[in-house]
PDB file of N, CA and C in Angstrom:
ATOM      1  N   MET A   1     113.887 113.328 121.683  1.00  0.00           N
ATOM      2  CA  MET A   1     112.836 112.374 121.986  1.00  0.00           C
ATOM      3  C   MET A   1     112.624 112.376 123.499  1.00  0.00           C
ATOM      4  N   GLY A   2     111.375 112.442 123.910  1.00  0.00           N
ATOM      5  CA  GLY A   2     111.044 112.438 125.322  1.00  0.00           C
ATOM      6  C   GLY A   2     111.262 111.069 125.951  1.00  0.00           C
ATOM      7  N   LEU A   3     111.200 111.035 127.272  1.00  0.00           N
ATOM      8  CA  LEU A   3     111.446 109.797 128.008  1.00  0.00           C
ATOM      9  C   LEU A   3     110.442 108.703 127.619  1.00  0.00           C
ATOM     10  N   ARG A   4     109.181 109.060 127.511  1.00  0.00           N
ATOM     11  CA  ARG A   4     108.173 108.054 127.149  1.00  0.00           C
ATOM     12  C   ARG A   4     108.428 107.521 125.738  1.00  0.00           C
ATOM     13  N   ALA A   5     108.731 108.413 124.804  1.00  0.00           N
ATOM     14  CA  ALA A   5     109.019 107.991 123.432  1.00  0.00           C
ATOM     15  C   ALA A   5     110.259 107.101 123.397  1.00  0.00           C
ATOM     16  N   GLU A   6     111.251 107.411 124.213  1.00  0.00           N
ATOM     17  CA  GLU A   6     112.455 106.568 124.272  1.00  0.00           C
ATOM     18  C   GLU A   6     112.124 105.170 124.785  1.00  0.00           C
ATOM     19  N   ARG A   7     111.290 105.100 125.803  1.00  0.00           N
ATOM     20  CA  ARG A   7     110.901 103.787 126.334  1.00  0.00           C
ATOM     21  C   ARG A   7     110.109 102.995 125.304  1.00  0.00           C
ATOM     22  N   VAL A   8     109.190 103.653 124.605  1.00  0.00           N
ATOM     23  CA  VAL A   8     108.407 102.978 123.564  1.00  0.00           C
ATOM     24  C   VAL A   8     109.336 102.509 122.449  1.00  0.00           C
ATOM     25  N   ALA A   9     110.280 103.360 122.045  1.00  0.00           N
ATOM     26  CA  ALA A   9     111.243 102.989 121.001  1.00  0.00           C
ATOM     27  C   ALA A   9     112.058 101.773 121.414  1.00  0.00           C
ATOM     28  N   SER A  10     112.449 101.726 122.678  1.00  0.00           N
ATOM     29  CA  SER A  10     113.222 100.596 123.188  1.00  0.00           C
ATOM     30  C   SER A  10     112.417  99.298 123.136  1.00  0.00           C
ATOM     31  N   VAL A  11     111.159  99.361 123.527  1.00  0.00           N
ATOM     32  CA  VAL A  11     110.293  98.173 123.488  1.00  0.00           C
ATOM     33  C   VAL A  11     110.086  97.724 122.042  1.00  0.00           C
ATOM     34  N   ILE A  12     109.872  98.674 121.149  1.00  0.00           N
ATOM     35  CA  ILE A  12     109.668  98.336 119.740  1.00  0.00           C
ATOM     36  C   ILE A  12     110.934  97.685 119.179  1.00  0.00           C
ATOM     37  N   LYS A  13     112.083  98.247 119.488  1.00  0.00           N
ATOM     38  CA  LYS A  13     113.349  97.688 118.996  1.00  0.00           C
ATOM     39  C   LYS A  13     113.522  96.247 119.458  1.00  0.00           C
ATOM     40  N   GLU A  14     113.250  96.000 120.719  1.00  0.00           N
ATOM     41  CA  GLU A  14     113.376  94.645 121.275  1.00  0.00           C
ATOM     42  C   GLU A  14     112.377  93.688 120.622  1.00  0.00           C
ATOM     43  N   GLU A  15     111.144  94.132 120.463  1.00  0.00           N
ATOM     44  CA  GLU A  15     110.105  93.265 119.894  1.00  0.00           C
ATOM     45  C   GLU A  15     110.377  92.954 118.421  1.00  0.00           C
ATOM     46  N   VAL A  16     110.731  93.951 117.644  1.00  0.00           N
ATOM     47  CA  VAL A  16     110.992  93.723 116.222  1.00  0.00           C
ATOM     48  C   VAL A  16     112.231  92.835 116.047  1.00  0.00           C
ATOM     49  N   GLY A  17     113.253  93.049 116.871  1.00  0.00           N
ATOM     50  CA  GLY A  17     114.422  92.169 116.830  1.00  0.00           C
ATOM     51  C   GLY A  17     114.047  90.727 117.112  1.00  0.00           C
ATOM     52  N   GLY A  18     113.156  90.533 118.076  1.00  0.00           N
ATOM     53  CA  GLY A  18     112.678  89.184 118.389  1.00  0.00           C
ATOM     54  C   GLY A  18     111.883  88.580 117.250  1.00  0.00           C
ATOM     55  N   VAL A  19     111.055  89.394 116.599  1.00  0.00           N
ATOM     56  CA  VAL A  19     110.285  88.925 115.443  1.00  0.00           C
ATOM     57  C   VAL A  19     111.243  88.476 114.344  1.00  0.00           C
ATOM     58  N   PHE A  20     112.287  89.259 114.102  1.00  0.00           N
ATOM     59  CA  PHE A  20     113.279  88.884 113.083  1.00  0.00           C
ATOM     60  C   PHE A  20     113.881  87.524 113.405  1.00  0.00           C
ATOM     61  N   GLN A  21     114.230  87.298 114.666  1.00  0.00           N
ATOM     62  CA  GLN A  21     114.863  86.036 115.061  1.00  0.00           C
ATOM     63  C   GLN A  21     113.900  84.859 114.961  1.00  0.00           C
ATOM     64  N   ARG A  22     112.655  85.062 115.396  1.00  0.00           N
ATOM     65  CA  ARG A  22     111.696  83.957 115.439  1.00  0.00           C
ATOM     66  C   ARG A  22     111.093  83.608 114.091  1.00  0.00           C
ATOM     67  N   ARG A  23     110.810  84.603 113.275  1.00  0.00           N
ATOM     68  CA  ARG A  23     110.002  84.367 112.082  1.00  0.00           C
ATOM     69  C   ARG A  23     110.746  84.393 110.754  1.00  0.00           C
ATOM     70  N   PHE A  24     111.885  85.045 110.698  1.00  0.00           N
ATOM     71  CA  PHE A  24     112.524  85.259 109.401  1.00  0.00           C
ATOM     72  C   PHE A  24     113.805  84.453 109.281  1.00  0.00           C
ATOM     73  N   SER A  25     113.906  83.701 108.190  1.00  0.00           N
ATOM     74  CA  SER A  25     115.111  82.900 107.970  1.00  0.00           C
ATOM     75  C   SER A  25     116.204  83.772 107.342  1.00  0.00           C
ATOM     76  N   ILE A  26     117.423  83.504 107.734  1.00  0.00           N
ATOM     77  CA  ILE A  26     118.565  84.236 107.190  1.00  0.00           C
ATOM     78  C   ILE A  26     118.680  83.989 105.692  1.00  0.00           C
ATOM     79  N   GLU A  27     118.365  82.769 105.260  1.00  0.00           N
ATOM     80  CA  GLU A  27     118.458  82.440 103.839  1.00  0.00           C
ATOM     81  C   GLU A  27     117.537  83.323 102.998  1.00  0.00           C
ATOM     82  N   GLU A  28     116.330  83.581 103.513  1.00  0.00           N
ATOM     83  CA  GLU A  28     115.356  84.350 102.739  1.00  0.00           C
ATOM     84  C   GLU A  28     115.546  85.855 102.898  1.00  0.00           C
ATOM     85  N   TYR A  29     115.767  86.311 104.125  1.00  0.00           N
ATOM     86  CA  TYR A  29     115.806  87.741 104.408  1.00  0.00           C
ATOM     87  C   TYR A  29     117.222  88.298 104.552  1.00  0.00           C
ATOM     88  N   GLY A  30     118.201  87.443 104.702  1.00  0.00           N
ATOM     89  CA  GLY A  30     119.545  87.920 104.987  1.00  0.00           C
ATOM     90  C   GLY A  30     119.703  88.121 106.482  1.00  0.00           C
ATOM     91  N   PHE A  31     120.863  88.594 106.880  1.00  0.00           N
ATOM     92  CA  PHE A  31     121.126  88.840 108.296  1.00  0.00           C
ATOM     93  C   PHE A  31     120.613  90.235 108.632  1.00  0.00           C
ATOM     94  N   LEU A  32     119.484  90.302 109.352  1.00  0.00           N
ATOM     95  CA  LEU A  32     118.820  91.556 109.699  1.00  0.00           C
ATOM     96  C   LEU A  32     119.120  91.943 111.138  1.00  0.00           C
ATOM     97  N   THR A  33     119.373  93.222 111.344  1.00  0.00           N
ATOM     98  CA  THR A  33     119.572  93.743 112.693  1.00  0.00           C
ATOM     99  C   THR A  33     118.833  95.064 112.825  1.00  0.00           C
ATOM    100  N   VAL A  34     118.081  95.214 113.899  1.00  0.00           N
ATOM    101  CA  VAL A  34     117.452  96.503 114.192  1.00  0.00           C
ATOM    102  C   VAL A  34     118.508  97.353 114.884  1.00  0.00           C
ATOM    103  N   THR A  35     118.902  98.452 114.242  1.00  0.00           N
ATOM    104  CA  THR A  35     119.960  99.284 114.816  1.00  0.00           C
ATOM    105  C   THR A  35     119.424 100.442 115.635  1.00  0.00           C
ATOM    106  N   GLU A  36     118.237 100.914 115.263  1.00  0.00           N
ATOM    107  CA  GLU A  36     117.674 102.058 115.976  1.00  0.00           C
ATOM    108  C   GLU A  36     116.187 102.154 115.679  1.00  0.00           C
ATOM    109  N   VAL A  37     115.443 102.701 116.631  1.00  0.00           N
ATOM    110  CA  VAL A  37     114.028 103.002 116.418  1.00  0.00           C
ATOM    111  C   VAL A  37     113.802 104.433 116.891  1.00  0.00           C
ATOM    112  N   ARG A  38     113.179 105.216 116.043  1.00  0.00           N
ATOM    113  CA  ARG A  38     112.822 106.594 116.400  1.00  0.00           C
ATOM    114  C   ARG A  38     111.308 106.705 116.357  1.00  0.00           C
ATOM    115  N   VAL A  39     110.748 107.178 117.454  1.00  0.00           N
ATOM    116  CA  VAL A  39     109.299 107.302 117.567  1.00  0.00           C
ATOM    117  C   VAL A  39     108.941 108.781 117.580  1.00  0.00           C
ATOM    118  N   SER A  40     107.881 109.136 116.859  1.00  0.00           N
ATOM    119  CA  SER A  40     107.425 110.527 116.835  1.00  0.00           C
ATOM    120  C   SER A  40     106.950 110.919 118.240  1.00  0.00           C
ATOM    121  N   PRO A  41     106.963 112.213 118.549  1.00  0.00           N
ATOM    122  CA  PRO A  41     106.537 112.662 119.894  1.00  0.00           C
ATOM    123  C   PRO A  41     105.133 112.218 120.272  1.00  0.00           C
ATOM    124  N   ASP A  42     104.230 112.103 119.284  1.00  0.00           N
ATOM    125  CA  ASP A  42     102.863 111.661 119.594  1.00  0.00           C
ATOM    126  C   ASP A  42     102.724 110.133 119.603  1.00  0.00           C
ATOM    127  N   LEU A  43     103.819 109.413 119.420  1.00  0.00           N
ATOM    128  CA  LEU A  43     103.894 107.948 119.454  1.00  0.00           C
ATOM    129  C   LEU A  43     103.091 107.277 118.340  1.00  0.00           C
ATOM    130  N   ARG A  44     102.793 108.000 117.276  1.00  0.00           N
ATOM    131  CA  ARG A  44     101.982 107.452 116.191  1.00  0.00           C
ATOM    132  C   ARG A  44     102.803 106.845 115.061  1.00  0.00           C
ATOM    133  N   VAL A  45     104.096 107.206 114.984  1.00  0.00           N
ATOM    134  CA  VAL A  45     104.951 106.713 113.897  1.00  0.00           C
ATOM    135  C   VAL A  45     106.263 106.223 114.487  1.00  0.00           C
ATOM    136  N   ALA A  46     106.677 105.041 114.049  1.00  0.00           N
ATOM    137  CA  ALA A  46     107.967 104.477 114.467  1.00  0.00           C
ATOM    138  C   ALA A  46     108.802 104.215 113.227  1.00  0.00           C
ATOM    139  N   LYS A  47     109.956 104.863 113.160  1.00  0.00           N
ATOM    140  CA  LYS A  47     110.904 104.603 112.080  1.00  0.00           C
ATOM    141  C   LYS A  47     111.889 103.560 112.596  1.00  0.00           C
ATOM    142  N   ILE A  48     111.910 102.425 111.920  1.00  0.00           N
ATOM    143  CA  ILE A  48     112.754 101.308 112.348  1.00  0.00           C
ATOM    144  C   ILE A  48     113.918 101.189 111.373  1.00  0.00           C
ATOM    145  N   PHE A  49     115.117 101.456 111.875  1.00  0.00           N
ATOM    146  CA  PHE A  49     116.322 101.376 111.052  1.00  0.00           C
ATOM    147  C   PHE A  49     116.886  99.967 111.139  1.00  0.00           C
ATOM    148  N   VAL A  50     117.090  99.365 109.973  1.00  0.00           N
ATOM    149  CA  VAL A  50     117.606  98.006 109.926  1.00  0.00           C
ATOM    150  C   VAL A  50     118.909  97.967 109.139  1.00  0.00           C
ATOM    151  N   SER A  51     119.797  97.133 109.616  1.00  0.00           N
ATOM    152  CA  SER A  51     121.040  96.855 108.909  1.00  0.00           C
ATOM    153  C   SER A  51     120.882  95.481 108.282  1.00  0.00           C
ATOM    154  N   ILE A  52     121.216  95.391 106.998  1.00  0.00           N
ATOM    155  CA  ILE A  52     121.077  94.134 106.266  1.00  0.00           C
ATOM    156  C   ILE A  52     122.428  93.786 105.688  1.00  0.00           C
ATOM    157  N   PHE A  53     122.939  92.624 106.051  1.00  0.00           N
ATOM    158  CA  PHE A  53     124.235  92.189 105.549  1.00  0.00           C
ATOM    159  C   PHE A  53     124.071  91.636 104.146  1.00  0.00           C
ATOM    160  N   GLY A  54     124.832  92.158 103.201  1.00  0.00           N
ATOM    161  CA  GLY A  54     124.777  91.657 101.837  1.00  0.00           C
ATOM    162  C   GLY A  54     124.960  92.775 100.831  1.00  0.00           C
ATOM    163  N   ASP A  55     124.871  92.400  99.572  1.00  0.00           N
ATOM    164  CA  ASP A  55     125.046  93.380  98.502  1.00  0.00           C
ATOM    165  C   ASP A  55     123.769  94.208  98.329  1.00  0.00           C
ATOM    166  N   ALA A  56     123.822  95.166  97.419  1.00  0.00           N
ATOM    167  CA  ALA A  56     122.696  96.085  97.214  1.00  0.00           C
ATOM    168  C   ALA A  56     121.419  95.342  96.818  1.00  0.00           C
ATOM    169  N   GLU A  57     121.559  94.309  95.991  1.00  0.00           N
ATOM    170  CA  GLU A  57     120.385  93.539  95.568  1.00  0.00           C
ATOM    171  C   GLU A  57     119.744  92.821  96.755  1.00  0.00           C
ATOM    172  N   ARG A  58     120.559  92.240  97.626  1.00  0.00           N
ATOM    173  CA  ARG A  58     120.062  91.554  98.834  1.00  0.00           C
ATOM    174  C   ARG A  58     119.324  92.541  99.730  1.00  0.00           C
ATOM    175  N   LYS A  59     119.883  93.726  99.906  1.00  0.00           N
ATOM    176  CA  LYS A  59     119.270  94.736 100.762  1.00  0.00           C
ATOM    177  C   LYS A  59     117.916  95.165 100.197  1.00  0.00           C
ATOM    178  N   LYS A  60     117.873  95.383  98.895  1.00  0.00           N
ATOM    179  CA  LYS A  60     116.622  95.790  98.244  1.00  0.00           C
ATOM    180  C   LYS A  60     115.557  94.705  98.394  1.00  0.00           C
ATOM    181  N   ARG A  61     115.952  93.455  98.159  1.00  0.00           N
ATOM    182  CA  ARG A  61     115.017  92.326  98.266  1.00  0.00           C
ATOM    183  C   ARG A  61     114.527  92.165  99.709  1.00  0.00           C
ATOM    184  N   SER A  62     115.426  92.281 100.670  1.00  0.00           N
ATOM    185  CA  SER A  62     115.044  92.121 102.081  1.00  0.00           C
ATOM    186  C   SER A  62     114.099  93.227 102.533  1.00  0.00           C
ATOM    187  N   LEU A  63     114.357  94.464 102.103  1.00  0.00           N
ATOM    188  CA  LEU A  63     113.450  95.563 102.463  1.00  0.00           C
ATOM    189  C   LEU A  63     112.063  95.342 101.869  1.00  0.00           C
ATOM    190  N   ALA A  64     111.995  94.824 100.636  1.00  0.00           N
ATOM    191  CA  ALA A  64     110.698  94.532 100.018  1.00  0.00           C
ATOM    192  C   ALA A  64     109.971  93.444 100.803  1.00  0.00           C
ATOM    193  N   LEU A  65     110.701  92.424 101.249  1.00  0.00           N
ATOM    194  CA  LEU A  65     110.088  91.363 102.053  1.00  0.00           C
ATOM    195  C   LEU A  65     109.571  91.917 103.381  1.00  0.00           C
ATOM    196  N   LEU A  66     110.348  92.817 103.996  1.00  0.00           N
ATOM    197  CA  LEU A  66     109.905  93.435 105.256  1.00  0.00           C
ATOM    198  C   LEU A  66     108.633  94.249 105.040  1.00  0.00           C
ATOM    199  N   GLU A  67     108.571  94.964 103.932  1.00  0.00           N
ATOM    200  CA  GLU A  67     107.364  95.745 103.626  1.00  0.00           C
ATOM    201  C   GLU A  67     106.141  94.825 103.545  1.00  0.00           C
ATOM    202  N   ASN A  68     106.314  93.645 102.953  1.00  0.00           N
ATOM    203  CA  ASN A  68     105.206  92.691 102.862  1.00  0.00           C
ATOM    204  C   ASN A  68     104.785  92.170 104.231  1.00  0.00           C
ATOM    205  N   GLN A  69     105.714  92.095 105.162  1.00  0.00           N
ATOM    206  CA  GLN A  69     105.440  91.569 106.503  1.00  0.00           C
ATOM    207  C   GLN A  69     105.041  92.663 107.499  1.00  0.00           C
ATOM    208  N   LYS A  70     104.981  93.892 107.031  1.00  0.00           N
ATOM    209  CA  LYS A  70     104.710  95.023 107.925  1.00  0.00           C
ATOM    210  C   LYS A  70     103.448  94.841 108.773  1.00  0.00           C
ATOM    211  N   PRO A  71     102.317  94.363 108.209  1.00  0.00           N
ATOM    212  CA  PRO A  71     101.119  94.208 109.058  1.00  0.00           C
ATOM    213  C   PRO A  71     101.328  93.246 110.237  1.00  0.00           C
ATOM    214  N   SER A  72     101.985  92.118 110.003  1.00  0.00           N
ATOM    215  CA  SER A  72     102.183  91.176 111.110  1.00  0.00           C
ATOM    216  C   SER A  72     103.205  91.719 112.116  1.00  0.00           C
ATOM    217  N   ILE A  73     104.192  92.435 111.639  1.00  0.00           N
ATOM    218  CA  ILE A  73     105.174  93.029 112.550  1.00  0.00           C
ATOM    219  C   ILE A  73     104.506  94.117 113.382  1.00  0.00           C
ATOM    220  N   ARG A  74     103.667  94.927 112.736  1.00  0.00           N
ATOM    221  CA  ARG A  74     102.955  95.987 113.463  1.00  0.00           C
ATOM    222  C   ARG A  74     102.028  95.379 114.520  1.00  0.00           C
ATOM    223  N   SER A  75     101.417  94.258 114.198  1.00  0.00           N
ATOM    224  CA  SER A  75     100.553  93.578 115.162  1.00  0.00           C
ATOM    225  C   SER A  75     101.358  93.122 116.385  1.00  0.00           C
ATOM    226  N   ALA A  76     102.536  92.557 116.148  1.00  0.00           N
ATOM    227  CA  ALA A  76     103.393  92.125 117.259  1.00  0.00           C
ATOM    228  C   ALA A  76     103.825  93.326 118.095  1.00  0.00           C
ATOM    229  N   VAL A  77     104.126  94.434 117.438  1.00  0.00           N
ATOM    230  CA  VAL A  77     104.495  95.661 118.158  1.00  0.00           C
ATOM    231  C   VAL A  77     103.319  96.133 119.012  1.00  0.00           C
ATOM    232  N   GLY A  78     102.106  96.092 118.454  1.00  0.00           N
ATOM    233  CA  GLY A  78     100.924  96.521 119.194  1.00  0.00           C
ATOM    234  C   GLY A  78     100.705  95.722 120.459  1.00  0.00           C
ATOM    235  N   LYS A  79     100.955  94.422 120.396  1.00  0.00           N
ATOM    236  CA  LYS A  79     100.809  93.581 121.589  1.00  0.00           C
ATOM    237  C   LYS A  79     101.894  93.882 122.615  1.00  0.00           C
ATOM    238  N   ALA A  80     103.076  94.284 122.153  1.00  0.00           N
ATOM    239  CA  ALA A  80     104.196  94.522 123.064  1.00  0.00           C
ATOM    240  C   ALA A  80     104.129  95.891 123.739  1.00  0.00           C
ATOM    241  N   VAL A  81     103.688  96.930 123.029  1.00  0.00           N
ATOM    242  CA  VAL A  81     103.748  98.274 123.599  1.00  0.00           C
ATOM    243  C   VAL A  81     102.485  98.690 124.339  1.00  0.00           C
ATOM    244  N   ARG A  82     101.350  98.126 123.986  1.00  0.00           N
ATOM    245  CA  ARG A  82     100.089  98.400 124.681  1.00  0.00           C
ATOM    246  C   ARG A  82      99.806  99.895 124.834  1.00  0.00           C
ATOM    247  N   LEU A  83      99.720 100.533 123.691  1.00  0.00           N
ATOM    248  CA  LEU A  83      99.346 101.939 123.645  1.00  0.00           C
ATOM    249  C   LEU A  83      97.926 102.049 123.112  1.00  0.00           C
ATOM    250  N   ARG A  84      97.347 103.227 123.225  1.00  0.00           N
ATOM    251  CA  ARG A  84      96.007 103.437 122.679  1.00  0.00           C
ATOM    252  C   ARG A  84      96.011 103.189 121.165  1.00  0.00           C
ATOM    253  N   PHE A  85      97.075 103.646 120.499  1.00  0.00           N
ATOM    254  CA  PHE A  85      97.226 103.443 119.057  1.00  0.00           C
ATOM    255  C   PHE A  85      98.545 102.727 118.797  1.00  0.00           C
ATOM    256  N   THR A  86      98.508 101.718 117.958  1.00  0.00           N
ATOM    257  CA  THR A  86      99.753 101.059 117.553  1.00  0.00           C
ATOM    258  C   THR A  86     100.427 101.958 116.523  1.00  0.00           C
ATOM    259  N   PRO A  87     101.694 102.265 116.728  1.00  0.00           N
ATOM    260  CA  PRO A  87     102.374 103.165 115.790  1.00  0.00           C
ATOM    261  C   PRO A  87     102.442 102.578 114.377  1.00  0.00           C
ATOM    262  N   GLU A  88     102.305 103.454 113.391  1.00  0.00           N
ATOM    263  CA  GLU A  88     102.601 103.078 112.013  1.00  0.00           C
ATOM    264  C   GLU A  88     104.101 102.832 111.974  1.00  0.00           C
ATOM    265  N   ILE A  89     104.532 101.829 111.229  1.00  0.00           N
ATOM    266  CA  ILE A  89     105.961 101.561 111.175  1.00  0.00           C
ATOM    267  C   ILE A  89     106.491 101.763 109.762  1.00  0.00           C
ATOM    268  N   ALA A  90     107.717 102.238 109.723  1.00  0.00           N
ATOM    269  CA  ALA A  90     108.414 102.424 108.454  1.00  0.00           C
ATOM    270  C   ALA A  90     109.802 101.818 108.611  1.00  0.00           C
ATOM    271  N   PHE A  91     110.185 100.995 107.656  1.00  0.00           N
ATOM    272  CA  PHE A  91     111.515 100.398 107.677  1.00  0.00           C
ATOM    273  C   PHE A  91     112.452 101.245 106.820  1.00  0.00           C
ATOM    274  N   LEU A  92     113.579 101.592 107.407  1.00  0.00           N
ATOM    275  CA  LEU A  92     114.592 102.376 106.709  1.00  0.00           C
ATOM    276  C   LEU A  92     115.920 101.639 106.803  1.00  0.00           C
ATOM    277  N   LEU A  93     116.664 101.675 105.717  1.00  0.00           N
ATOM    278  CA  LEU A  93     117.958 100.997 105.684  1.00  0.00           C
ATOM    279  C   LEU A  93     118.997 101.826 106.423  1.00  0.00           C
ATOM    280  N   ASP A  94     119.677 101.212 107.358  1.00  0.00           N
ATOM    281  CA  ASP A  94     120.775 101.852 108.081  1.00  0.00           C
ATOM    282  C   ASP A  94     122.066 101.434 107.391  1.00  0.00           C
ATOM    283  N   ASP A  95     122.676 102.372 106.696  1.00  0.00           N
ATOM    284  CA  ASP A  95     123.900 102.046 105.960  1.00  0.00           C
ATOM    285  C   ASP A  95     125.155 102.526 106.676  1.00  0.00           C
ATOM    286  N   THR A  96     125.083 102.735 107.971  1.00  0.00           N
ATOM    287  CA  THR A  96     126.222 103.199 108.753  1.00  0.00           C
ATOM    288  C   THR A  96     127.397 102.231 108.647  1.00  0.00           C
ATOM    289  N   MET A  97     127.125 100.932 108.708  1.00  0.00           N
ATOM    290  CA  MET A  97     128.203  99.942 108.646  1.00  0.00           C
ATOM    291  C   MET A  97     128.888  99.983 107.280  1.00  0.00           C
ATOM    292  N   ASP A  98     128.116 100.139 106.227  1.00  0.00           N
ATOM    293  CA  ASP A  98     128.707 100.237 104.882  1.00  0.00           C
ATOM    294  C   ASP A  98     129.615 101.454 104.781  1.00  0.00           C
ATOM    295  N   LYS A  99     129.157 102.577 105.320  1.00  0.00           N
ATOM    296  CA  LYS A  99     129.969 103.798 105.290  1.00  0.00           C
ATOM    297  C   LYS A  99     131.245 103.618 106.100  1.00  0.00           C
ATOM    298  N   ALA A 100     131.152 102.960 107.244  1.00  0.00           N
ATOM    299  CA  ALA A 100     132.334 102.714 108.072  1.00  0.00           C
ATOM    300  C   ALA A 100     133.334 101.828 107.340  1.00  0.00           C
ATOM    301  N   MET A 101     132.842 100.797 106.648  1.00  0.00           N
ATOM    302  CA  MET A 101     133.746  99.911 105.892  1.00  0.00           C
ATOM    303  C   MET A 101     134.394 100.668 104.728  1.00  0.00           C
ATOM    304  N   ASP A 102     133.638 101.555 104.080  1.00  0.00           N
ATOM    305  CA  ASP A 102     134.200 102.367 103.001  1.00  0.00           C
ATOM    306  C   ASP A 102     135.301 103.280 103.533  1.00  0.00           C
ATOM    307  N   LEU A 103     135.055 103.902 104.687  1.00  0.00           N
ATOM    308  CA  LEU A 103     136.076 104.762 105.296  1.00  0.00           C
ATOM    309  C   LEU A 103     137.319 103.966 105.684  1.00  0.00           C
ATOM    310  N   GLU A 104     137.120 102.793 106.239  1.00  0.00           N
ATOM    311  CA  GLU A 104     138.255 101.952 106.623  1.00  0.00           C
ATOM    312  C   GLU A 104     139.087 101.580 105.401  1.00  0.00           C
ATOM    313  N   ALA A 105     138.433 101.254 104.298  1.00  0.00           N
ATOM    314  CA  ALA A 105     139.149 100.927 103.060  1.00  0.00           C
ATOM    315  C   ALA A 105     139.925 102.144 102.561  1.00  0.00           C
ATOM    316  N   LEU A 106     139.329 103.325 102.654  1.00  0.00           N
ATOM    317  CA  LEU A 106     140.009 104.549 102.247  1.00  0.00           C
ATOM    318  C   LEU A 106     141.238 104.810 103.119  1.00  0.00           C
ATOM    319  N   PHE A 107     141.099 104.660 104.431  1.00  0.00           N
ATOM    320  CA  PHE A 107     142.236 104.857 105.337  1.00  0.00           C
ATOM    321  C   PHE A 107     143.358 103.869 105.040  1.00  0.00           C
ATOM    322  N   LYS A 108     142.983 102.645 104.757  1.00  0.00           N
ATOM    323  CA  LYS A 108     143.982 101.626 104.444  1.00  0.00           C
ATOM    324  C   LYS A 108     144.740 101.980 103.170  1.00  0.00           C
ATOM    325  N   ARG A 109     144.000 102.447 102.166  1.00  0.00           N
ATOM    326  CA  ARG A 109     144.638 102.841 100.906  1.00  0.00           C
ATOM    327  C   ARG A 109     145.606 104.010 101.130  1.00  0.00           C
ATOM    328  N   ILE A 110     145.210 104.987 101.950  1.00  0.00           N
ATOM    329  CA  ILE A 110     146.080 106.124 102.263  1.00  0.00           C
ATOM    330  C   ILE A 110     147.333 105.653 102.986  1.00  0.00           C
ATOM    331  N   ARG A 111     147.160 104.762 103.971  1.00  0.00           N
ATOM    332  CA  ARG A 111     148.332 104.237 104.706  1.00  0.00           C
ATOM    333  C   ARG A 111     149.287 103.516 103.761  1.00  0.00           C
ATOM    334  N   ASN A 112     148.730 102.707 102.849  1.00  0.00           N
ATOM    335  CA  ASN A 112     149.565 101.973 101.894  1.00  0.00           C
ATOM    336  C   ASN A 112     150.314 102.922 100.970  1.00  0.00           C
ATOM    337  N   GLN A 113     149.655 104.002 100.522  1.00  0.00           N
ATOM    338  CA  GLN A 113     150.320 104.981  99.666  1.00  0.00           C
ATOM    339  C   GLN A 113     151.446 105.689 100.419  1.00  0.00           C
ATOM    340  N   GLU A 114     151.178 106.054 101.669  1.00  0.00           N
ATOM    341  CA  GLU A 114     152.211 106.721 102.469  1.00  0.00           C
ATOM    342  C   GLU A 114     153.387 105.796 102.723  1.00  0.00           C
ATOM    343  N   GLN A 115     153.092 104.533 102.981  1.00  0.00           N
ATOM    344  CA  GLN A 115     154.152 103.558 103.217  1.00  0.00           C
ATOM    345  C   GLN A 115     154.980 103.363 101.944  1.00  0.00           C
ATOM    346  N   SER A 116     154.331 103.307 100.796  1.00  0.00           N
ATOM    347  CA  SER A 116     155.054 103.155  99.524  1.00  0.00           C
ATOM    348  C   SER A 116     155.957 104.344  99.268  1.00  0.00           C
ATOM    349  N   ARG A 117     155.486 105.548  99.563  1.00  0.00           N
ATOM    350  CA  ARG A 117     156.300 106.751  99.377  1.00  0.00           C
ATOM    351  C   ARG A 117     157.509 106.763 100.304  1.00  0.00           C
ATOM    352  N   SER A 118     157.284 106.357 101.543  1.00  0.00           N
ATOM    353  CA  SER A 118     158.410 106.383 102.494  1.00  0.00           C
ATOM    354  C   SER A 118     159.454 105.318 102.141  1.00  0.00           C
ATOM    355  N   GLU A 119     159.022 104.207 101.541  1.00  0.00           N
ATOM    356  CA  GLU A 119     159.975 103.175 101.112  1.00  0.00           C
ATOM    357  C   GLU A 119     160.748 103.623  99.875  1.00  0.00           C
ATOM    358  N   GLU A 120     160.106 104.428  99.002  1.00  0.00           N
ATOM    359  CA  GLU A 120     160.767 104.930  97.804  1.00  0.00           C
ATOM    360  C   GLU A 120     161.772 106.023  98.122  1.00  0.00           C
ATOM    361  N   ASP A 121     161.479 106.835  99.141  1.00  0.00           N
ATOM    362  CA  ASP A 121     162.344 107.956  99.495  1.00  0.00           C
ATOM    363  C   ASP A 121     162.750 107.832 100.977  1.00  0.00           C
ATOM    364  N   PRO A 122     163.845 107.068 101.244  1.00  0.00           N
ATOM    365  CA  PRO A 122     164.238 106.865 102.639  1.00  0.00           C
ATOM    366  C   PRO A 122     164.708 108.132 103.336  1.00  0.00           C
ATOM    367  N   SER A 123     165.059 109.189 102.581  1.00  0.00           N
ATOM    368  CA  SER A 123     165.518 110.433 103.222  1.00  0.00           C
ATOM    369  C   SER A 123     164.382 111.217 103.835  1.00  0.00           C
ATOM    370  N   SER A 124     163.127 110.878 103.472  1.00  0.00           N
ATOM    371  CA  SER A 124     161.980 111.607 104.016  1.00  0.00           C
ATOM    372  C   SER A 124     161.554 111.097 105.379  1.00  0.00           C
ATOM    373  N   GLY A 125     162.182 110.032 105.866  1.00  0.00           N
ATOM    374  CA  GLY A 125     161.835 109.465 107.166  1.00  0.00           C
ATOM    375  C   GLY A 125     162.302 110.343 108.296  1.00  0.00           C
ATOM    376  N   THR A 126     161.854 110.060 109.507  1.00  0.00           N
ATOM    377  CA  THR A 126     162.250 110.830 110.681  1.00  0.00           C
ATOM    378  C   THR A 126     163.502 110.250 111.277  1.00  0.00           C
ATOM    379  N   SER A 127     164.298 111.092 111.879  1.00  0.00           N
ATOM    380  CA  SER A 127     165.544 110.636 112.489  1.00  0.00           C
ATOM    381  C   SER A 127     165.471 110.575 113.964  1.00  0.00           C
TER     382      SER A 127
END
């Protein structure tokens, strides 16, 4: 991404995050966080990655609500970035945190299995 696209992405990320805080209730939308924005080189498309705290049903419902609010969010972005064309926006679910939690659970399970084995066979320990 070029320098101009990075700056536009940064402004969009800040503006959309502010829209989430000002307009959307946690009860209705869940805990939403803009994790990343990627803008096409021609600045016509902005992919907005959001993290949504909750189960799969909550995430699906929140993304549907965001899709319904897309015109007003795009309008706020247009006022903030002041480009010739306001970028089309697409909301994408960022599941990085879910993957990290899954990996952490896997590591914990491996550690517990190794600890159980070492307790069962004390001769396998280091001297």
